[in-house]
PDB file of N, CA and C in Angstrom:
ATOM      1  N   UNK A   1      16.652  63.460 128.993  1.00  0.00           N
ATOM      2  CA  UNK A   1      17.867  64.056 129.382  1.00  0.00           C
ATOM      3  C   UNK A   1      18.091  65.355 128.653  1.00  0.00           C
ATOM      4  N   UNK A   2      18.512  66.272 129.396  1.00  0.00           N
ATOM      5  CA  UNK A   2      18.717  67.599 128.822  1.00  0.00           C
ATOM      6  C   UNK A   2      20.179  67.754 128.441  1.00  0.00           C
ATOM      7  N   UNK A   3      20.309  68.396 127.349  1.00  0.00           N
ATOM      8  CA  UNK A   3      21.695  68.620 126.897  1.00  0.00           C
ATOM      9  C   UNK A   3      22.275  69.839 127.592  1.00  0.00           C
ATOM     10  N   UNK A   4      23.601  69.746 127.765  1.00  0.00           N
ATOM     11  CA  UNK A   4      24.291  70.902 128.345  1.00  0.00           C
ATOM     12  C   UNK A   4      24.439  71.972 127.253  1.00  0.00           C
ATOM     13  N   UNK A   5      24.289  73.207 127.620  1.00  0.00           N
ATOM     14  CA  UNK A   5      24.416  74.257 126.595  1.00  0.00           C
ATOM     15  C   UNK A   5      25.834  74.261 126.007  1.00  0.00           C
ATOM     16  N   UNK A   6      25.909  74.436 124.702  1.00  0.00           N
ATOM     17  CA  UNK A   6      27.227  74.482 124.027  1.00  0.00           C
ATOM     18  C   UNK A   6      27.826  75.864 124.132  1.00  0.00           C
ATOM     19  N   UNK A   7      29.107  75.845 124.278  1.00  0.00           N
ATOM     20  CA  UNK A   7      29.822  77.125 124.300  1.00  0.00           C
ATOM     21  C   UNK A   7      30.054  77.579 122.873  1.00  0.00           C
ATOM     22  N   UNK A   8      29.967  78.850 122.617  1.00  0.00           N
ATOM     23  CA  UNK A   8      30.270  79.317 121.265  1.00  0.00           C
ATOM     24  C   UNK A   8      31.777  79.213 120.999  1.00  0.00           C
ATOM     25  N   UNK A   9      32.173  78.939 119.777  1.00  0.00           N
ATOM     26  CA  UNK A   9      33.621  78.856 119.480  1.00  0.00           C
ATOM     27  C   UNK A   9      34.295  80.207 119.702  1.00  0.00           C
ATOM     28  N   UNK A  10      35.560  80.170 120.091  1.00  0.00           N
ATOM     29  CA  UNK A  10      36.249  81.454 120.336  1.00  0.00           C
ATOM     30  C   UNK A  10      36.366  82.251 119.041  1.00  0.00           C
ATOM     31  N   UNK A  11      36.327  83.532 119.178  1.00  0.00           N
ATOM     32  CA  UNK A  11      36.410  84.404 118.005  1.00  0.00           C
ATOM     33  C   UNK A  11      37.865  84.493 117.547  1.00  0.00           C
ATOM     34  N   UNK A  12      38.052  84.324 116.278  1.00  0.00           N
ATOM     35  CA  UNK A  12      39.418  84.302 115.737  1.00  0.00           C
ATOM     36  C   UNK A  12      39.939  85.690 115.392  1.00  0.00           C
ATOM     37  N   UNK A  13      39.117  86.668 115.276  1.00  0.00           N
ATOM     38  CA  UNK A  13      39.561  87.998 114.890  1.00  0.00           C
ATOM     39  C   UNK A  13      40.250  88.737 116.035  1.00  0.00           C
ATOM     40  N   UNK A  14      40.036  88.320 117.238  1.00  0.00           N
ATOM     41  CA  UNK A  14      40.720  88.981 118.350  1.00  0.00           C
ATOM     42  C   UNK A  14      41.836  88.064 118.857  1.00  0.00           C
ATOM     43  N   UNK A  15      43.091  88.429 118.505  1.00  0.00           N
ATOM     44  CA  UNK A  15      44.246  87.638 118.936  1.00  0.00           C
ATOM     45  C   UNK A  15      44.659  88.065 120.330  1.00  0.00           C
ATOM     46  N   UNK A  16      45.337  87.190 121.029  1.00  0.00           N
ATOM     47  CA  UNK A  16      45.860  87.609 122.332  1.00  0.00           C
ATOM     48  C   UNK A  16      46.838  88.782 122.141  1.00  0.00           C
ATOM     49  N   UNK A  17      46.975  89.629 123.139  1.00  0.00           N
ATOM     50  CA  UNK A  17      47.830  90.820 122.992  1.00  0.00           C
ATOM     51  C   UNK A  17      49.285  90.480 122.671  1.00  0.00           C
ATOM     52  N   UNK A  18      49.773  89.357 123.150  1.00  0.00           N
ATOM     53  CA  UNK A  18      51.177  89.004 122.891  1.00  0.00           C
ATOM     54  C   UNK A  18      51.424  88.764 121.410  1.00  0.00           C
ATOM     55  N   UNK A  19      50.499  88.124 120.770  1.00  0.00           N
ATOM     56  CA  UNK A  19      50.695  87.767 119.362  1.00  0.00           C
ATOM     57  C   UNK A  19      50.680  88.981 118.451  1.00  0.00           C
ATOM     58  N   UNK A  20      50.055  90.027 118.832  1.00  0.00           N
ATOM     59  CA  UNK A  20      50.026  91.226 117.998  1.00  0.00           C
ATOM     60  C   UNK A  20      51.381  91.906 117.945  1.00  0.00           C
ATOM     61  N   UNK A  21      52.196  91.769 118.986  1.00  0.00           N
ATOM     62  CA  UNK A  21      53.479  92.459 119.053  1.00  0.00           C
ATOM     63  C   UNK A  21      54.619  91.653 118.445  1.00  0.00           C
ATOM     64  N   UNK A  22      54.427  90.390 118.169  1.00  0.00           N
ATOM     65  CA  UNK A  22      55.503  89.557 117.634  1.00  0.00           C
ATOM     66  C   UNK A  22      56.014  90.079 116.293  1.00  0.00           C
ATOM     67  N   UNK A  23      55.186  90.379 115.300  1.00  0.00           N
ATOM     68  CA  UNK A  23      55.728  90.908 114.036  1.00  0.00           C
ATOM     69  C   UNK A  23      56.425  92.252 114.207  1.00  0.00           C
ATOM     70  N   UNK A  24      55.887  93.087 115.083  1.00  0.00           N
ATOM     71  CA  UNK A  24      56.499  94.395 115.307  1.00  0.00           C
ATOM     72  C   UNK A  24      57.879  94.215 115.947  1.00  0.00           C
ATOM     73  N   UNK A  25      57.985  93.332 116.911  1.00  0.00           N
ATOM     74  CA  UNK A  25      59.274  93.081 117.550  1.00  0.00           C
ATOM     75  C   UNK A  25      60.262  92.445 116.571  1.00  0.00           C
ATOM     76  N   UNK A  26      59.760  91.579 115.711  1.00  0.00           N
ATOM     77  CA  UNK A  26      60.632  90.950 114.717  1.00  0.00           C
ATOM     78  C   UNK A  26      61.188  91.993 113.746  1.00  0.00           C
ATOM     79  N   UNK A  27      60.358  92.875 113.272  1.00  0.00           N
ATOM     80  CA  UNK A  27      60.801  93.934 112.356  1.00  0.00           C
ATOM     81  C   UNK A  27      61.780  94.870 113.069  1.00  0.00           C
ATOM     82  N   UNK A  28      61.508  95.193 114.317  1.00  0.00           N
ATOM     83  CA  UNK A  28      62.419  96.056 115.073  1.00  0.00           C
ATOM     84  C   UNK A  28      63.775  95.376 115.264  1.00  0.00           C
ATOM     85  N   UNK A  29      63.750  94.079 115.539  1.00  0.00           N
ATOM     86  CA  UNK A  29      65.004  93.344 115.708  1.00  0.00           C
ATOM     87  C   UNK A  29      65.817  93.334 114.410  1.00  0.00           C
ATOM     88  N   UNK A  30      65.171  93.067 113.281  1.00  0.00           N
ATOM     89  CA  UNK A  30      65.856  93.057 111.989  1.00  0.00           C
ATOM     90  C   UNK A  30      66.425  94.448 111.683  1.00  0.00           C
ATOM     91  N   UNK A  31      65.667  95.493 111.976  1.00  0.00           N
ATOM     92  CA  UNK A  31      66.140  96.863 111.743  1.00  0.00           C
ATOM     93  C   UNK A  31      67.352  97.166 112.611  1.00  0.00           C
ATOM     94  N   UNK A  32      67.346  96.712 113.855  1.00  0.00           N
ATOM     95  CA  UNK A  32      68.485  96.949 114.743  1.00  0.00           C
ATOM     96  C   UNK A  32      69.725  96.208 114.255  1.00  0.00           C
ATOM     97  N   UNK A  33      69.551  94.975 113.782  1.00  0.00           N
ATOM     98  CA  UNK A  33      70.690  94.211 113.257  1.00  0.00           C
ATOM     99  C   UNK A  33      71.251  94.886 112.010  1.00  0.00           C
ATOM    100  N   UNK A  34      70.381  95.337 111.117  1.00  0.00           N
ATOM    101  CA  UNK A  34      70.851  96.028 109.911  1.00  0.00           C
ATOM    102  C   UNK A  34      71.554  97.342 110.250  1.00  0.00           C
ATOM    103  N   UNK A  35      71.046  98.076 111.216  1.00  0.00           N
ATOM    104  CA  UNK A  35      71.684  99.331 111.620  1.00  0.00           C
ATOM    105  C   UNK A  35      73.065  99.062 112.230  1.00  0.00           C
ATOM    106  N   UNK A  36      73.156  98.035 113.057  1.00  0.00           N
ATOM    107  CA  UNK A  36      74.460  97.702 113.652  1.00  0.00           C
ATOM    108  C   UNK A  36      75.441  97.245 112.570  1.00  0.00           C
ATOM    109  N   UNK A  37      74.972  96.465 111.603  1.00  0.00           N
ATOM    110  CA  UNK A  37      75.833  96.032 110.505  1.00  0.00           C
ATOM    111  C   UNK A  37      76.302  97.207 109.657  1.00  0.00           C
ATOM    112  N   UNK A  38      75.402  98.139 109.379  1.00  0.00           N
ATOM    113  CA  UNK A  38      75.777  99.332 108.613  1.00  0.00           C
ATOM    114  C   UNK A  38      76.781 100.191 109.364  1.00  0.00           C
ATOM    115  N   UNK A  39      76.587 100.340 110.658  1.00  0.00           N
ATOM    116  CA  UNK A  39      77.541 101.116 111.462  1.00  0.00           C
ATOM    117  C   UNK A  39      78.903 100.438 111.485  1.00  0.00           C
ATOM    118  N   UNK A  40      78.931  99.113 111.620  1.00  0.00           N
ATOM    119  CA  UNK A  40      80.208  98.395 111.613  1.00  0.00           C
ATOM    120  C   UNK A  40      80.904  98.537 110.270  1.00  0.00           C
ATOM    121  N   UNK A  41      80.150  98.506 109.191  1.00  0.00           N
ATOM    122  CA  UNK A  41      80.729  98.677 107.857  1.00  0.00           C
ATOM    123  C   UNK A  41      81.323 100.066 107.691  1.00  0.00           C
ATOM    124  N   UNK A  42      80.608 101.087 108.123  1.00  0.00           N
ATOM    125  CA  UNK A  42      81.125 102.451 108.013  1.00  0.00           C
ATOM    126  C   UNK A  42      82.366 102.658 108.871  1.00  0.00           C
ATOM    127  N   UNK A  43      82.399 102.076 110.045  1.00  0.00           N
ATOM    128  CA  UNK A  43      83.583 102.183 110.907  1.00  0.00           C
ATOM    129  C   UNK A  43      84.775 101.507 110.244  1.00  0.00           C
ATOM    130  N   UNK A  44      84.545 100.344 109.639  1.00  0.00           N
ATOM    131  CA  UNK A  44      85.616  99.623 108.960  1.00  0.00           C
ATOM    132  C   UNK A  44      86.144 100.424 107.773  1.00  0.00           C
ATOM    133  N   UNK A  45      85.262 101.025 106.994  1.00  0.00           N
ATOM    134  CA  UNK A  45      85.688 101.838 105.849  1.00  0.00           C
ATOM    135  C   UNK A  45      86.510 103.024 106.324  1.00  0.00           C
ATOM    136  N   UNK A  46      86.071 103.700 107.368  1.00  0.00           N
ATOM    137  CA  UNK A  46      86.808 104.849 107.892  1.00  0.00           C
ATOM    138  C   UNK A  46      88.194 104.434 108.386  1.00  0.00           C
ATOM    139  N   UNK A  47      88.254 103.297 109.055  1.00  0.00           N
ATOM    140  CA  UNK A  47      89.525 102.796 109.582  1.00  0.00           C
ATOM    141  C   UNK A  47      90.502 102.487 108.446  1.00  0.00           C
ATOM    142  N   UNK A  48      90.017 101.857 107.373  1.00  0.00           N
ATOM    143  CA  UNK A  48      90.875 101.527 106.230  1.00  0.00           C
ATOM    144  C   UNK A  48      91.364 102.781 105.517  1.00  0.00           C
ATOM    145  N   UNK A  49      90.515 103.797 105.454  1.00  0.00           N
ATOM    146  CA  UNK A  49      90.954 105.047 104.828  1.00  0.00           C
ATOM    147  C   UNK A  49      92.068 105.701 105.649  1.00  0.00           C
ATOM    148  N   UNK A  50      91.953 105.636 106.961  1.00  0.00           N
ATOM    149  CA  UNK A  50      92.999 106.195 107.815  1.00  0.00           C
ATOM    150  C   UNK A  50      94.309 105.428 107.643  1.00  0.00           C
ATOM    151  N   UNK A  51      94.224 104.103 107.510  1.00  0.00           N
ATOM    152  CA  UNK A  51      95.426 103.294 107.310  1.00  0.00           C
ATOM    153  C   UNK A  51      96.067 103.595 105.965  1.00  0.00           C
ATOM    154  N   UNK A  52      95.258 103.896 104.965  1.00  0.00           N
ATOM    155  CA  UNK A  52      95.787 104.148 103.625  1.00  0.00           C
ATOM    156  C   UNK A  52      96.526 105.473 103.547  1.00  0.00           C
ATOM    157  N   UNK A  53      96.254 106.374 104.440  1.00  0.00           N
ATOM    158  CA  UNK A  53      96.968 107.666 104.419  1.00  0.00           C
ATOM    159  C   UNK A  53      98.437 107.495 104.782  1.00  0.00           C
ATOM    160  N   UNK A  54      98.755 106.586 105.671  1.00  0.00           N
ATOM    161  CA  UNK A  54     100.137 106.277 106.038  1.00  0.00           C
ATOM    162  C   UNK A  54     100.388 104.800 105.768  1.00  0.00           C
ATOM    163  N   UNK A  55     100.827 104.463 104.555  1.00  0.00           N
ATOM    164  CA  UNK A  55     100.977 103.046 104.221  1.00  0.00           C
ATOM    165  C   UNK A  55     102.166 102.373 104.900  1.00  0.00           C
ATOM    166  N   UNK A  56     103.053 103.122 105.480  1.00  0.00           N
ATOM    167  CA  UNK A  56     104.207 102.523 106.144  1.00  0.00           C
ATOM    168  C   UNK A  56     104.606 103.382 107.336  1.00  0.00           C
ATOM    169  N   UNK A  57     105.373 102.794 108.211  1.00  0.00           N
ATOM    170  CA  UNK A  57     105.861 103.499 109.389  1.00  0.00           C
ATOM    171  C   UNK A  57     107.156 104.197 109.018  1.00  0.00           C
ATOM    172  N   UNK A  58     107.221 105.493 109.174  1.00  0.00           N
ATOM    173  CA  UNK A  58     108.395 106.268 108.781  1.00  0.00           C
ATOM    174  C   UNK A  58     109.433 106.248 109.887  1.00  0.00           C
ATOM    175  N   UNK A  59     110.579 105.662 109.568  1.00  0.00           N
ATOM    176  CA  UNK A  59     111.692 105.650 110.507  1.00  0.00           C
ATOM    177  C   UNK A  59     112.598 106.830 110.215  1.00  0.00           C
ATOM    178  N   UNK A  60     112.833 107.057 108.918  1.00  0.00           N
ATOM    179  CA  UNK A  60     113.713 108.133 108.463  1.00  0.00           C
ATOM    180  C   UNK A  60     112.923 109.003 107.502  1.00  0.00           C
ATOM    181  N   UNK A  61     113.093 110.316 107.600  1.00  0.00           N
ATOM    182  CA  UNK A  61     112.453 111.214 106.641  1.00  0.00           C
ATOM    183  C   UNK A  61     113.233 111.196 105.338  1.00  0.00           C
ATOM    184  N   UNK A  62     112.547 110.922 104.258  1.00  0.00           N
ATOM    185  CA  UNK A  62     113.171 110.855 102.944  1.00  0.00           C
ATOM    186  C   UNK A  62     112.601 111.951 102.058  1.00  0.00           C
ATOM    187  N   UNK A  63     113.430 112.426 101.136  1.00  0.00           N
ATOM    188  CA  UNK A  63     112.949 113.375 100.140  1.00  0.00           C
ATOM    189  C   UNK A  63     113.421 112.909  98.767  1.00  0.00           C
ATOM    190  N   UNK A  64     113.154 113.691  97.752  1.00  0.00           N
ATOM    191  CA  UNK A  64     113.481 113.279  96.387  1.00  0.00           C
ATOM    192  C   UNK A  64     114.983 113.251  96.125  1.00  0.00           C
ATOM    193  N   UNK A  65     115.769 113.934  96.921  1.00  0.00           N
ATOM    194  CA  UNK A  65     117.210 113.968  96.709  1.00  0.00           C
ATOM    195  C   UNK A  65     117.957 112.848  97.436  1.00  0.00           C
ATOM    196  N   UNK A  66     117.304 112.080  98.264  1.00  0.00           N
ATOM    197  CA  UNK A  66     117.956 111.001  99.008  1.00  0.00           C
ATOM    198  C   UNK A  66     118.237 109.848  98.055  1.00  0.00           C
ATOM    199  N   UNK A  67     119.518 109.519  97.892  1.00  0.00           N
ATOM    200  CA  UNK A  67     119.895 108.454  96.959  1.00  0.00           C
ATOM    201  C   UNK A  67     120.521 107.257  97.655  1.00  0.00           C
ATOM    202  N   UNK A  68     120.780 107.333  98.943  1.00  0.00           N
ATOM    203  CA  UNK A  68     121.422 106.228  99.650  1.00  0.00           C
ATOM    204  C   UNK A  68     120.410 105.096  99.863  1.00  0.00           C
ATOM    205  N   UNK A  69     120.674 103.907  99.300  1.00  0.00           N
ATOM    206  CA  UNK A  69     119.725 102.796  99.460  1.00  0.00           C
ATOM    207  C   UNK A  69     119.563 102.350 100.910  1.00  0.00           C
ATOM    208  N   UNK A  70     120.595 102.519 101.729  1.00  0.00           N
ATOM    209  CA  UNK A  70     120.497 102.091 103.128  1.00  0.00           C
ATOM    210  C   UNK A  70     119.458 102.930 103.885  1.00  0.00           C
ATOM    211  N   UNK A  71     119.382 104.221 103.576  1.00  0.00           N
ATOM    212  CA  UNK A  71     118.371 105.063 104.225  1.00  0.00           C
ATOM    213  C   UNK A  71     116.967 104.647 103.789  1.00  0.00           C
ATOM    214  N   UNK A  72     116.811 104.363 102.507  1.00  0.00           N
ATOM    215  CA  UNK A  72     115.512 103.895 102.034  1.00  0.00           C
ATOM    216  C   UNK A  72     115.189 102.539 102.664  1.00  0.00           C
ATOM    217  N   UNK A  73     116.204 101.730 102.896  1.00  0.00           N
ATOM    218  CA  UNK A  73     116.015 100.415 103.490  1.00  0.00           C
ATOM    219  C   UNK A  73     115.485 100.457 104.904  1.00  0.00           C
ATOM    220  N   UNK A  74     115.701 101.544 105.611  1.00  0.00           N
ATOM    221  CA  UNK A  74     115.168 101.650 106.966  1.00  0.00           C
ATOM    222  C   UNK A  74     113.640 101.789 106.945  1.00  0.00           C
ATOM    223  N   UNK A  75     113.111 102.465 105.929  1.00  0.00           N
ATOM    224  CA  UNK A  75     111.661 102.605 105.815  1.00  0.00           C
ATOM    225  C   UNK A  75     111.012 101.440 105.072  1.00  0.00           C
ATOM    226  N   UNK A  76     111.759 100.835 104.148  1.00  0.00           N
ATOM    227  CA  UNK A  76     111.216  99.756 103.323  1.00  0.00           C
ATOM    228  C   UNK A  76     112.140  98.543 103.409  1.00  0.00           C
ATOM    229  N   UNK A  77     112.112  97.798 104.512  1.00  0.00           N
ATOM    230  CA  UNK A  77     113.082  96.715 104.698  1.00  0.00           C
ATOM    231  C   UNK A  77     112.921  95.551 103.721  1.00  0.00           C
ATOM    232  N   UNK A  78     111.712  95.193 103.350  1.00  0.00           N
ATOM    233  CA  UNK A  78     111.533  94.064 102.433  1.00  0.00           C
ATOM    234  C   UNK A  78     112.063  94.398 101.043  1.00  0.00           C
ATOM    235  N   UNK A  79     111.787  95.597 100.566  1.00  0.00           N
ATOM    236  CA  UNK A  79     112.268  96.001  99.257  1.00  0.00           C
ATOM    237  C   UNK A  79     113.792  96.154  99.271  1.00  0.00           C
ATOM    238  N   UNK A  80     114.338  96.637 100.373  1.00  0.00           N
ATOM    239  CA  UNK A  80     115.795  96.785 100.474  1.00  0.00           C
ATOM    240  C   UNK A  80     116.466  95.413 100.477  1.00  0.00           C
ATOM    241  N   UNK A  81     115.867  94.432 101.114  1.00  0.00           N
ATOM    242  CA  UNK A  81     116.416  93.082 101.123  1.00  0.00           C
ATOM    243  C   UNK A  81     116.451  92.520  99.698  1.00  0.00           C
ATOM    244  N   UNK A  82     115.387  92.733  98.943  1.00  0.00           N
ATOM    245  CA  UNK A  82     115.360  92.279  97.551  1.00  0.00           C
ATOM    246  C   UNK A  82     116.398  93.032  96.721  1.00  0.00           C
ATOM    247  N   UNK A  83     116.591  94.305  96.999  1.00  0.00           N
ATOM    248  CA  UNK A  83     117.607  95.097  96.297  1.00  0.00           C
ATOM    249  C   UNK A  83     119.005  94.557  96.582  1.00  0.00           C
ATOM    250  N   UNK A  84     119.265  94.211  97.829  1.00  0.00           N
ATOM    251  CA  UNK A  84     120.589  93.696  98.178  1.00  0.00           C
ATOM    252  C   UNK A  84     120.884  92.370  97.484  1.00  0.00           C
ATOM    253  N   UNK A  85     119.855  91.575  97.253  1.00  0.00           N
ATOM    254  CA  UNK A  85     120.069  90.308  96.558  1.00  0.00           C
ATOM    255  C   UNK A  85     120.388  90.495  95.082  1.00  0.00           C
ATOM    256  N   UNK A  86     119.972  91.600  94.492  1.00  0.00           N
ATOM    257  CA  UNK A  86     120.188  91.802  93.063  1.00  0.00           C
ATOM    258  C   UNK A  86     121.287  92.803  92.749  1.00  0.00           C
ATOM    259  N   UNK A  87     121.764  93.539  93.725  1.00  0.00           N
ATOM    260  CA  UNK A  87     122.721  94.607  93.432  1.00  0.00           C
ATOM    261  C   UNK A  87     124.117  94.065  93.119  1.00  0.00           C
ATOM    262  N   UNK A  88     124.511  92.961  93.706  1.00  0.00           N
ATOM    263  CA  UNK A  88     125.850  92.426  93.496  1.00  0.00           C
ATOM    264  C   UNK A  88     125.752  91.249  92.531  1.00  0.00           C
ATOM    265  N   UNK A  89     126.062  91.524  91.268  1.00  0.00           N
ATOM    266  CA  UNK A  89     125.978  90.478  90.268  1.00  0.00           C
ATOM    267  C   UNK A  89     127.325  89.796  90.124  1.00  0.00           C
ATOM    268  N   UNK A  90     127.282  88.517  89.908  1.00  0.00           N
ATOM    269  CA  UNK A  90     128.507  87.747  89.711  1.00  0.00           C
ATOM    270  C   UNK A  90     128.667  87.439  88.228  1.00  0.00           C
ATOM    271  N   UNK A  91     129.912  87.472  87.785  1.00  0.00           N
ATOM    272  CA  UNK A  91     130.176  87.123  86.396  1.00  0.00           C
ATOM    273  C   UNK A  91     130.099  85.614  86.234  1.00  0.00           C
ATOM    274  N   UNK A  92     129.611  85.221  85.085  1.00  0.00           N
ATOM    275  CA  UNK A  92     129.528  83.803  84.776  1.00  0.00           C
ATOM    276  C   UNK A  92     130.326  83.524  83.508  1.00  0.00           C
ATOM    277  N   UNK A  93     130.520  82.252  83.212  1.00  0.00           N
ATOM    278  CA  UNK A  93     131.265  81.916  82.012  1.00  0.00           C
ATOM    279  C   UNK A  93     130.455  82.167  80.750  1.00  0.00           C
ATOM    280  N   UNK A  94     129.144  82.381  80.912  1.00  0.00           N
ATOM    281  CA  UNK A  94     128.298  82.646  79.758  1.00  0.00           C
ATOM    282  C   UNK A  94     128.342  84.102  79.333  1.00  0.00           C
ATOM    283  N   UNK A  95     128.716  84.978  80.217  1.00  0.00           N
ATOM    284  CA  UNK A  95     128.892  86.378  79.860  1.00  0.00           C
ATOM    285  C   UNK A  95     127.656  87.230  80.008  1.00  0.00           C
ATOM    286  N   UNK A  96     126.496  86.707  79.695  1.00  0.00           N
ATOM    287  CA  UNK A  96     125.290  87.508  79.812  1.00  0.00           C
ATOM    288  C   UNK A  96     125.339  88.694  78.885  1.00  0.00           C
ATOM    289  N   UNK A  97     125.025  89.870  79.371  1.00  0.00           N
ATOM    290  CA  UNK A  97     125.032  91.057  78.524  1.00  0.00           C
ATOM    291  C   UNK A  97     126.430  91.607  78.340  1.00  0.00           C
ATOM    292  N   UNK A  98     127.411  91.077  79.050  1.00  0.00           N
ATOM    293  CA  UNK A  98     128.788  91.558  78.917  1.00  0.00           C
ATOM    294  C   UNK A  98     129.584  90.756  77.896  1.00  0.00           C
ATOM    295  N   UNK A  99     129.009  89.733  77.301  1.00  0.00           N
ATOM    296  CA  UNK A  99     129.746  88.860  76.396  1.00  0.00           C
ATOM    297  C   UNK A  99     130.204  89.601  75.153  1.00  0.00           C
ATOM    298  N   UNK A 100     129.306  90.332  74.529  1.00  0.00           N
ATOM    299  CA  UNK A 100     129.637  91.045  73.306  1.00  0.00           C
ATOM    300  C   UNK A 100     129.252  92.501  73.506  1.00  0.00           C
ATOM    301  N   UNK A 101     130.176  93.426  73.243  1.00  0.00           N
ATOM    302  CA  UNK A 101     129.804  94.834  73.389  1.00  0.00           C
ATOM    303  C   UNK A 101     128.748  95.216  72.352  1.00  0.00           C
ATOM    304  N   UNK A 102     127.882  96.077  72.736  1.00  0.00           N
ATOM    305  CA  UNK A 102     126.774  96.492  71.859  1.00  0.00           C
ATOM    306  C   UNK A 102     127.264  97.550  70.896  1.00  0.00           C
ATOM    307  N   UNK A 103     127.235  97.212  69.626  1.00  0.00           N
ATOM    308  CA  UNK A 103     127.546  98.185  68.587  1.00  0.00           C
ATOM    309  C   UNK A 103     126.400  98.143  67.592  1.00  0.00           C
ATOM    310  N   UNK A 104     125.756  99.257  67.334  1.00  0.00           N
ATOM    311  CA  UNK A 104     124.645  99.252  66.395  1.00  0.00           C
ATOM    312  C   UNK A 104     125.141  98.933  64.983  1.00  0.00           C
ATOM    313  N   UNK A 105     124.410  98.150  64.286  1.00  0.00           N
ATOM    314  CA  UNK A 105     124.756  97.758  62.932  1.00  0.00           C
ATOM    315  C   UNK A 105     123.644  98.211  62.003  1.00  0.00           C
ATOM    316  N   UNK A 106     123.995  98.477  60.752  1.00  0.00           N
ATOM    317  CA  UNK A 106     123.022  98.995  59.799  1.00  0.00           C
ATOM    318  C   UNK A 106     121.845  98.030  59.633  1.00  0.00           C
ATOM    319  N   UNK A 107     122.081  96.736  59.630  1.00  0.00           N
ATOM    320  CA  UNK A 107     121.004  95.774  59.430  1.00  0.00           C
ATOM    321  C   UNK A 107     120.100  95.641  60.660  1.00  0.00           C
ATOM    322  N   UNK A 108     120.615  95.897  61.851  1.00  0.00           N
ATOM    323  CA  UNK A 108     119.817  95.738  63.060  1.00  0.00           C
ATOM    324  C   UNK A 108     119.075  97.008  63.447  1.00  0.00           C
ATOM    325  N   UNK A 109     119.440  98.139  62.863  1.00  0.00           N
ATOM    326  CA  UNK A 109     118.755  99.393  63.197  1.00  0.00           C
ATOM    327  C   UNK A 109     117.432  99.472  62.475  1.00  0.00           C
ATOM    328  N   UNK A 110     116.460 100.062  63.125  1.00  0.00           N
ATOM    329  CA  UNK A 110     115.147 100.253  62.500  1.00  0.00           C
ATOM    330  C   UNK A 110     115.268 101.341  61.449  1.00  0.00           C
ATOM    331  N   UNK A 111     114.660 101.157  60.297  1.00  0.00           N
ATOM    332  CA  UNK A 111     114.747 102.193  59.252  1.00  0.00           C
ATOM    333  C   UNK A 111     113.979 103.437  59.671  1.00  0.00           C
ATOM    334  N   UNK A 112     114.440 104.577  59.196  1.00  0.00           N
ATOM    335  CA  UNK A 112     113.782 105.836  59.503  1.00  0.00           C
ATOM    336  C   UNK A 112     112.531 105.985  58.653  1.00  0.00           C
ATOM    337  N   UNK A 113     111.554 106.648  59.216  1.00  0.00           N
ATOM    338  CA  UNK A 113     110.360 106.934  58.420  1.00  0.00           C
ATOM    339  C   UNK A 113     110.736 107.959  57.352  1.00  0.00           C
ATOM    340  N   UNK A 114     109.994 108.039  56.256  1.00  0.00           N
ATOM    341  CA  UNK A 114     110.350 108.979  55.190  1.00  0.00           C
ATOM    342  C   UNK A 114     110.397 110.426  55.673  1.00  0.00           C
ATOM    343  N   UNK A 115     109.519 110.806  56.597  1.00  0.00           N
ATOM    344  CA  UNK A 115     109.542 112.196  57.064  1.00  0.00           C
ATOM    345  C   UNK A 115     110.804 112.476  57.876  1.00  0.00           C
ATOM    346  N   UNK A 116     111.269 111.525  58.664  1.00  0.00           N
ATOM    347  CA  UNK A 116     112.495 111.726  59.441  1.00  0.00           C
ATOM    348  C   UNK A 116     113.719 111.671  58.553  1.00  0.00           C
ATOM    349  N   UNK A 117     113.673 110.840  57.500  1.00  0.00           N
ATOM    350  CA  UNK A 117     114.807 110.754  56.602  1.00  0.00           C
ATOM    351  C   UNK A 117     114.983 112.051  55.837  1.00  0.00           C
ATOM    352  N   UNK A 118     113.891 112.692  55.445  1.00  0.00           N
ATOM    353  CA  UNK A 118     114.003 113.962  54.727  1.00  0.00           C
ATOM    354  C   UNK A 118     114.530 115.056  55.631  1.00  0.00           C
ATOM    355  N   UNK A 119     114.143 115.036  56.906  1.00  0.00           N
ATOM    356  CA  UNK A 119     114.669 116.033  57.848  1.00  0.00           C
ATOM    357  C   UNK A 119     116.155 115.842  58.070  1.00  0.00           C
ATOM    358  N   UNK A 120     116.582 114.595  58.074  1.00  0.00           N
ATOM    359  CA  UNK A 120     117.991 114.305  58.317  1.00  0.00           C
ATOM    360  C   UNK A 120     118.847 114.757  57.139  1.00  0.00           C
ATOM    361  N   UNK A 121     118.370 114.576  55.932  1.00  0.00           N
ATOM    362  CA  UNK A 121     119.157 114.990  54.769  1.00  0.00           C
ATOM    363  C   UNK A 121     119.155 116.490  54.590  1.00  0.00           C
ATOM    364  N   UNK A 122     118.086 117.184  55.024  1.00  0.00           N
ATOM    365  CA  UNK A 122     118.031 118.612  54.879  1.00  0.00           C
ATOM    366  C   UNK A 122     118.863 119.316  55.933  1.00  0.00           C
ATOM    367  N   UNK A 123     118.932 118.760  57.104  1.00  0.00           N
ATOM    368  CA  UNK A 123     119.551 119.436  58.217  1.00  0.00           C
ATOM    369  C   UNK A 123     120.960 119.162  58.331  1.00  0.00           C
TER     370      UNK A 123
END
């Protein structure tokens, strides 16, 4: 009986064409994801910087001479609400800071430094 001729084993150095592109496609995909993530991060940073330029919505224009709390309250309602809760103090039977009038006493005053004491006696 004659043997059938054996086929040579397939060569391993030549991969199918599809397998050669898999690492390249994987690297391209990772690069695209990183680029999209970087772009999203930069957009978010730019957006936050724009928000920081105007931290509140201006209802009334205020300047340094405006002293009326109600006008400030239109632009800053939460702070004005807290101000209204503390502006009207009620007297209590304990007196608080109104119990005894403040009069400086020699024992409670801080002593002067020697250089200030000499200036006071000379002047």
